[in-house]
């Protein structure tokens, strides 16, 4: 089956292909030996948040500091220095 790559780098997967792998909103994408390999993944929303936090190298203390800062009165808020 053919799938066309648009000018915006988007592909529409044939319905028969997506039906064969089940419903998935996200796919892991990798290049292997000149091929594009899509693997359906089921991401829990919490997992997505944890992955983003890990990507940004944010830990529990960073989150606690951000929450404490957000709870301050507007006049007391200052830019956070790292």
C-alpha atoms as a PDB file:
ATOM      1  CA  UNK A   1       0.000   0.000   0.000  1.00  0.00           C
ATOM      2  CA  UNK A   2       1.113   3.533  -0.639  1.00  0.00           C
ATOM      3  CA  UNK A   3       0.912   6.463   1.730  1.00  0.00           C
ATOM      4  CA  UNK A   4       1.765   9.959   0.519  1.00  0.00           C
ATOM      5  CA  UNK A   5       3.984  12.285   2.529  1.00  0.00           C
ATOM      6  CA  UNK A   6       2.538  15.807   2.447  1.00  0.00           C
ATOM      7  CA  UNK A   7       4.488  19.054   2.282  1.00  0.00           C
ATOM      8  CA  UNK A   8       3.920  19.323   6.046  1.00  0.00           C
ATOM      9  CA  UNK A   9       5.622  15.943   6.691  1.00  0.00           C
ATOM     10  CA  UNK A  10       2.320  14.226   7.437  1.00  0.00           C
ATOM     11  CA  UNK A  11       1.280  10.719   6.463  1.00  0.00           C
ATOM     12  CA  UNK A  12      -2.207   9.290   6.374  1.00  0.00           C
ATOM     13  CA  UNK A  13      -2.077   5.629   7.248  1.00  0.00           C
ATOM     14  CA  UNK A  14      -4.492   3.334   5.436  1.00  0.00           C
ATOM     15  CA  UNK A  15      -7.432   2.312   7.602  1.00  0.00           C
ATOM     16  CA  UNK A  16      -6.721  -1.380   7.020  1.00  0.00           C
ATOM     17  CA  UNK A  17      -3.241  -0.929   8.500  1.00  0.00           C
ATOM     18  CA  UNK A  18      -4.381   0.918  11.618  1.00  0.00           C
ATOM     19  CA  UNK A  19      -7.221  -1.577  12.079  1.00  0.00           C
ATOM     20  CA  UNK A  20      -4.699  -4.419  11.990  1.00  0.00           C
ATOM     21  CA  UNK A  21      -2.711  -2.985  14.928  1.00  0.00           C
ATOM     22  CA  UNK A  22      -5.645  -1.734  16.988  1.00  0.00           C
ATOM     23  CA  UNK A  23      -6.491   1.747  18.085  1.00  0.00           C
ATOM     24  CA  UNK A  24      -3.471   3.845  18.946  1.00  0.00           C
ATOM     25  CA  UNK A  25      -3.145   7.595  19.187  1.00  0.00           C
ATOM     26  CA  UNK A  26       0.660   7.560  19.377  1.00  0.00           C
ATOM     27  CA  UNK A  27       3.345   5.652  17.527  1.00  0.00           C
ATOM     28  CA  UNK A  28       7.006   5.186  18.353  1.00  0.00           C
ATOM     29  CA  UNK A  29       8.918   6.147  15.193  1.00  0.00           C
ATOM     30  CA  UNK A  30      12.375   4.954  14.240  1.00  0.00           C
ATOM     31  CA  UNK A  31      14.484   4.591  11.133  1.00  0.00           C
ATOM     32  CA  UNK A  32      15.950   1.152  10.538  1.00  0.00           C
ATOM     33  CA  UNK A  33      17.894   0.080   7.436  1.00  0.00           C
ATOM     34  CA  UNK A  34      16.329   2.776   5.266  1.00  0.00           C
ATOM     35  CA  UNK A  35      12.809   2.063   6.529  1.00  0.00           C
ATOM     36  CA  UNK A  36      10.484   3.987   8.787  1.00  0.00           C
ATOM     37  CA  UNK A  37       9.131   1.726  11.522  1.00  0.00           C
ATOM     38  CA  UNK A  38       5.971   2.749  13.385  1.00  0.00           C
ATOM     39  CA  UNK A  39       5.097   0.899  16.586  1.00  0.00           C
ATOM     40  CA  UNK A  40       1.784   1.710  18.264  1.00  0.00           C
ATOM     41  CA  UNK A  41       2.109   2.757  21.904  1.00  0.00           C
ATOM     42  CA  UNK A  42      -0.497   3.446  24.501  1.00  0.00           C
ATOM     43  CA  UNK A  43       0.571   6.402  26.594  1.00  0.00           C
ATOM     44  CA  UNK A  44      -1.062   7.149  29.885  1.00  0.00           C
ATOM     45  CA  UNK A  45      -1.356  10.909  30.375  1.00  0.00           C
ATOM     46  CA  UNK A  46       0.707  10.643  33.560  1.00  0.00           C
ATOM     47  CA  UNK A  47       3.423   8.829  31.626  1.00  0.00           C
ATOM     48  CA  UNK A  48       3.557  11.672  29.107  1.00  0.00           C
ATOM     49  CA  UNK A  49       3.957  14.220  31.901  1.00  0.00           C
ATOM     50  CA  UNK A  50       6.673  12.148  33.593  1.00  0.00           C
ATOM     51  CA  UNK A  51       8.509  11.745  30.268  1.00  0.00           C
ATOM     52  CA  UNK A  52       8.431  15.521  29.685  1.00  0.00           C
ATOM     53  CA  UNK A  53       9.690  16.194  33.217  1.00  0.00           C
ATOM     54  CA  UNK A  54      12.542  13.734  32.668  1.00  0.00           C
ATOM     55  CA  UNK A  55      13.341  15.341  29.307  1.00  0.00           C
ATOM     56  CA  UNK A  56      13.547  18.743  31.028  1.00  0.00           C
ATOM     57  CA  UNK A  57      15.573  17.230  33.890  1.00  0.00           C
ATOM     58  CA  UNK A  58      13.056  18.406  36.492  1.00  0.00           C
ATOM     59  CA  UNK A  59      12.833  16.588  39.808  1.00  0.00           C
ATOM     60  CA  UNK A  60      10.427  16.551  42.726  1.00  0.00           C
ATOM     61  CA  UNK A  61      12.087  19.550  44.390  1.00  0.00           C
ATOM     62  CA  UNK A  62      11.800  21.602  41.193  1.00  0.00           C
ATOM     63  CA  UNK A  63       8.067  20.849  41.103  1.00  0.00           C
ATOM     64  CA  UNK A  64       7.645  21.691  44.794  1.00  0.00           C
ATOM     65  CA  UNK A  65       9.517  24.987  44.266  1.00  0.00           C
ATOM     66  CA  UNK A  66       7.336  25.849  41.256  1.00  0.00           C
ATOM     67  CA  UNK A  67       4.121  25.126  43.165  1.00  0.00           C
ATOM     68  CA  UNK A  68       5.309  27.208  46.139  1.00  0.00           C
ATOM     69  CA  UNK A  69       6.212  30.060  43.777  1.00  0.00           C
ATOM     70  CA  UNK A  70       2.827  29.872  42.038  1.00  0.00           C
ATOM     71  CA  UNK A  71       1.009  30.041  45.362  1.00  0.00           C
ATOM     72  CA  UNK A  72       2.734  33.284  46.398  1.00  0.00           C
ATOM     73  CA  UNK A  73       0.939  36.607  46.264  1.00  0.00           C
ATOM     74  CA  UNK A  74       1.420  38.291  42.820  1.00  0.00           C
ATOM     75  CA  UNK A  75       3.603  41.072  44.252  1.00  0.00           C
ATOM     76  CA  UNK A  76       5.963  38.566  45.903  1.00  0.00           C
ATOM     77  CA  UNK A  77       6.692  36.609  42.721  1.00  0.00           C
ATOM     78  CA  UNK A  78      10.116  37.106  41.158  1.00  0.00           C
ATOM     79  CA  UNK A  79      11.950  35.429  38.342  1.00  0.00           C
ATOM     80  CA  UNK A  80      13.421  32.135  39.369  1.00  0.00           C
ATOM     81  CA  UNK A  81      17.214  31.984  39.160  1.00  0.00           C
ATOM     82  CA  UNK A  82      18.966  28.723  38.462  1.00  0.00           C
END
